[in-house]
Protein backbone atom coordinates (compact mmCIF):
# COMPACT_ATOMS: atom_id res chain seq x y z
CA MET A 1 -25.08 0.08 3.21
CA MET A 2 -24.28 2.46 6.10
CA PRO A 3 -25.38 6.02 5.90
CA ARG A 4 -22.64 8.48 5.17
CA SER A 5 -21.78 10.97 7.85
CA SER A 6 -21.90 14.61 6.95
CA THR A 7 -19.56 17.23 8.28
CA ALA A 8 -22.45 18.82 10.18
CA GLN A 9 -22.65 15.63 12.30
CA PHE A 10 -18.92 15.18 12.65
CA ILE A 11 -17.57 16.10 16.12
CA LEU A 12 -13.91 15.76 16.86
CA ARG A 13 -13.05 15.70 20.55
CA SER A 14 -10.45 18.24 21.49
CA HIS A 15 -8.07 15.66 23.07
CA ASP A 16 -8.39 13.49 19.95
CA ARG A 17 -7.47 16.58 17.79
CA GLU A 18 -4.33 17.11 19.79
CA ARG A 19 -3.43 13.38 19.58
CA LEU A 20 -4.03 13.23 15.86
CA GLU A 21 -1.81 16.32 15.34
CA TYR A 22 0.92 14.75 17.40
CA LEU A 23 0.72 11.40 15.55
CA ILE A 24 0.83 13.04 12.18
CA GLN A 25 3.81 15.22 13.13
CA SER A 26 5.70 12.36 14.74
CA GLY A 27 6.52 10.73 11.40
CA ASP A 28 6.29 7.31 13.10
CA TYR A 29 3.29 6.11 11.02
CA SER A 30 2.94 4.89 7.42
CA ARG A 31 0.85 6.77 4.89
CA GLN A 32 -1.89 4.31 5.45
CA PHE A 33 -2.28 5.53 9.01
CA THR A 34 -1.50 9.23 8.40
CA ASN A 35 -4.26 9.25 5.83
CA ARG A 36 -6.67 7.90 8.46
CA PHE A 37 -5.56 10.55 10.93
CA ASN A 38 -5.85 13.34 8.32
CA ILE A 39 -9.33 12.25 7.28
CA VAL A 40 -10.58 12.57 10.86
CA LEU A 41 -8.67 15.77 11.53
CA GLN A 42 -9.81 17.48 8.29
CA SER A 43 -13.39 16.30 8.95
CA GLY A 44 -13.19 17.92 12.40
CA ASN A 45 -12.11 21.11 10.60
CA GLY A 46 -15.31 21.06 8.54
CA LEU A 47 -13.98 19.94 5.23
CA LYS A 48 -16.26 17.94 2.89
CA ALA A 49 -15.54 14.32 2.16
CA SER A 50 -14.82 15.18 -1.48
CA GLU A 51 -12.37 17.82 -0.51
CA ILE A 52 -10.52 15.45 1.81
CA ALA A 53 -10.37 12.70 -0.79
CA LYS A 54 -8.99 15.10 -3.34
CA SER A 55 -6.38 16.53 -1.06
CA LEU A 56 -5.10 13.10 0.13
CA ARG A 57 -5.53 11.50 -3.33
CA ILE A 58 -7.67 8.69 -1.99
CA ALA A 59 -11.06 7.20 -2.68
CA LEU A 60 -14.16 8.95 -1.45
CA SER A 61 -15.30 5.71 0.03
CA ALA A 62 -12.17 5.59 2.21
CA VAL A 63 -13.11 9.01 3.68
CA TYR A 64 -16.59 7.83 4.46
CA ARG A 65 -15.34 4.58 5.98
CA TRP A 66 -12.80 6.17 8.36
CA ARG A 67 -15.09 8.98 9.49
CA SER A 68 -17.77 6.39 10.26
CA ASN A 69 -15.16 4.16 12.04
CA TYR A 70 -14.08 7.05 14.16
CA LEU A 71 -17.57 8.13 15.07
CA ARG A 72 -18.44 4.57 15.99
CA TYR A 73 -15.33 3.37 17.75
CA GLY A 74 -13.12 6.39 18.49
CA MET A 75 -9.39 6.75 18.23
CA ARG A 76 -8.60 3.08 18.83
CA THR A 77 -9.96 2.12 15.41
CA LEU A 78 -7.57 4.48 13.56
CA LEU A 79 -4.53 2.79 15.16
CA ARG A 80 -5.46 -0.78 14.21
CA PRO A 81 -3.92 -2.48 11.15
CA ARG A 82 -6.41 -3.21 8.39
CA ARG A 83 -8.12 -6.60 8.75
CA LEU A 84 -7.38 -9.33 6.26
CA LYS A 85 -10.30 -10.36 3.94
């Protein structure tokens, strides 16, 4: 199991912040994607994973997964459709 990233370790690049805000406001993406964008944006604002999960009404594991994906792969991972199992 991967270690969970804490908010102290989470760094959101300024150009990614601007892009995420634009993507959320555009209204062009489904809830699946806007949740991903919000997870990263709210993490960059210093919110705890449990606060983000509660505000978005999603599983805590989803918050950890998307924060980890962003830290590992950057913005491109947030825009990819979920892989089939």
